[in-house]
């Protein structure tokens, strides 16, 4: 399965961005889906996940980020509000942590988000 994140860019602190994820196959209704990010020099971490409508967020983004998906359109989104410089990272979409990065669900290129004044 190929997953491609898009929608990143440069934004000032306090701004918003909306990331999108497209998949080559219909997986959004079958698997836990997540958004991950990797800041320079740091490990990739899960920041938001969605499973059958239930969502979970890392403490660092709770209240600011919203994950959603459209199974019919095979897309997933991450609405990011009140962005902070520490949100700067490459963002990736994938399935849940147990399978993300496996040979069935390799990491895509990700999309760069830069928050700076």
Protein backbone atom coordinates (compact mmCIF):
# COMPACT_ATOMS: atom_id res chain seq x y z
CA UNK A 1 0.00 0.00 0.00
CA UNK A 2 1.27 3.44 -0.90
CA UNK A 3 0.37 6.33 1.36
CA UNK A 4 1.09 9.90 0.42
CA UNK A 5 0.85 12.89 2.72
CA UNK A 6 0.44 16.40 1.34
CA UNK A 7 -0.50 19.89 2.39
CA UNK A 8 2.54 20.91 4.37
CA UNK A 9 4.17 24.27 4.13
CA UNK A 10 5.53 27.26 5.97
CA UNK A 11 3.32 28.96 8.53
CA UNK A 12 3.77 31.49 11.30
CA UNK A 13 3.16 30.55 14.93
CA UNK A 14 -0.55 30.51 15.66
CA UNK A 15 -1.40 29.64 12.09
CA UNK A 16 -3.17 26.62 10.65
CA UNK A 17 -2.53 23.94 8.09
CA UNK A 18 -4.55 21.02 6.85
CA UNK A 19 -2.72 17.88 5.83
CA UNK A 20 -4.21 15.25 3.57
CA UNK A 21 -3.38 11.59 3.12
CA UNK A 22 -4.24 9.46 0.12
CA UNK A 23 -3.86 5.71 -0.10
CA UNK A 24 -3.48 3.45 -3.09
CA UNK A 25 -5.96 1.00 -1.63
CA UNK A 26 -9.08 1.13 0.50
CA UNK A 27 -7.59 0.72 3.93
CA UNK A 28 -9.09 3.51 5.97
CA UNK A 29 -12.08 1.48 7.11
CA UNK A 30 -10.00 -1.60 7.88
CA UNK A 31 -7.03 -0.35 9.85
CA UNK A 32 -6.25 2.02 12.64
CA UNK A 33 -4.87 5.09 10.86
CA UNK A 34 -2.44 7.60 12.18
CA UNK A 35 -0.46 10.74 11.59
CA UNK A 36 3.17 10.70 12.62
CA UNK A 37 5.87 13.32 12.65
CA UNK A 38 9.63 13.36 12.75
CA UNK A 39 11.49 16.46 13.82
CA UNK A 40 15.15 16.93 12.89
CA UNK A 41 17.34 14.67 14.97
CA UNK A 42 14.40 12.98 16.65
CA UNK A 43 12.51 9.76 16.24
CA UNK A 44 9.25 9.54 14.39
CA UNK A 45 6.31 9.69 16.77
CA UNK A 46 2.59 9.15 16.51
CA UNK A 47 0.66 12.36 17.06
CA UNK A 48 -2.90 11.34 16.18
CA UNK A 49 -4.81 8.18 15.42
CA UNK A 50 -8.32 7.22 14.45
CA UNK A 51 -10.10 3.90 14.78
CA UNK A 52 -13.77 3.41 14.01
CA UNK A 53 -14.41 7.06 14.70
CA UNK A 54 -12.52 7.12 17.98
CA UNK A 55 -9.57 9.46 18.03
CA UNK A 56 -6.47 9.73 20.15
CA UNK A 57 -3.88 12.46 20.32
CA UNK A 58 -0.46 12.96 21.76
CA UNK A 59 -0.52 15.37 24.67
CA UNK A 60 1.60 17.80 22.70
CA UNK A 61 -1.12 18.32 20.07
CA UNK A 62 -4.30 17.65 22.03
CA UNK A 63 -6.82 20.42 21.58
CA UNK A 64 -5.01 21.82 18.56
CA UNK A 65 -5.00 18.99 16.01
CA UNK A 66 -7.98 17.09 14.65
CA UNK A 67 -7.75 13.86 12.72
CA UNK A 68 -10.53 12.75 10.40
CA UNK A 69 -11.03 10.35 7.54
CA UNK A 70 -13.37 9.68 4.64
CA UNK A 71 -13.49 5.97 3.92
CA UNK A 72 -15.40 6.42 0.68
CA UNK A 73 -12.88 8.90 -0.69
CA UNK A 74 -9.92 6.96 0.71
CA UNK A 75 -8.53 10.06 2.34
CA UNK A 76 -7.50 11.14 5.78
CA UNK A 77 -6.85 14.63 7.09
CA UNK A 78 -5.09 16.35 9.93
CA UNK A 79 -6.32 19.83 10.77
CA UNK A 80 -3.60 21.64 12.66
CA UNK A 81 -4.46 24.86 14.47
CA UNK A 82 -2.53 27.11 16.81
CA UNK A 83 0.70 25.82 15.39
CA UNK A 84 3.88 26.21 17.40
CA UNK A 85 7.52 26.17 16.33
CA UNK A 86 7.88 22.79 18.04
CA UNK A 87 5.37 21.37 15.57
CA UNK A 88 8.00 21.75 12.86
CA UNK A 89 8.61 18.31 11.42
CA UNK A 90 8.04 16.03 8.48
CA UNK A 91 4.55 14.59 8.79
CA UNK A 92 3.63 11.13 7.61
CA UNK A 93 0.41 9.19 7.40
CA UNK A 94 0.23 5.46 7.86
CA UNK A 95 -1.61 2.70 9.62
CA UNK A 96 -1.25 2.12 13.35
CA UNK A 97 2.15 1.64 14.98
CA UNK A 98 2.12 -2.16 14.88
CA UNK A 99 2.20 -2.21 11.07
CA UNK A 100 3.45 1.22 10.06
CA UNK A 101 6.76 0.97 8.27
CA UNK A 102 6.35 -2.72 7.51
CA UNK A 103 6.78 -4.10 4.01
CA UNK A 104 3.01 -3.90 3.56
CA UNK A 105 2.80 -0.30 4.73
CA UNK A 106 6.09 1.44 3.95
CA UNK A 107 6.65 5.05 4.84
CA UNK A 108 5.93 7.58 2.14
CA UNK A 109 7.93 10.76 1.61
CA UNK A 110 5.96 12.76 4.11
CA UNK A 111 5.20 16.45 3.96
CA UNK A 112 7.26 19.17 5.59
CA UNK A 113 5.62 21.51 8.08
CA UNK A 114 7.66 24.49 9.20
CA UNK A 115 6.37 26.84 11.87
CA UNK A 116 8.46 29.95 12.25
CA UNK A 117 8.18 33.68 12.53
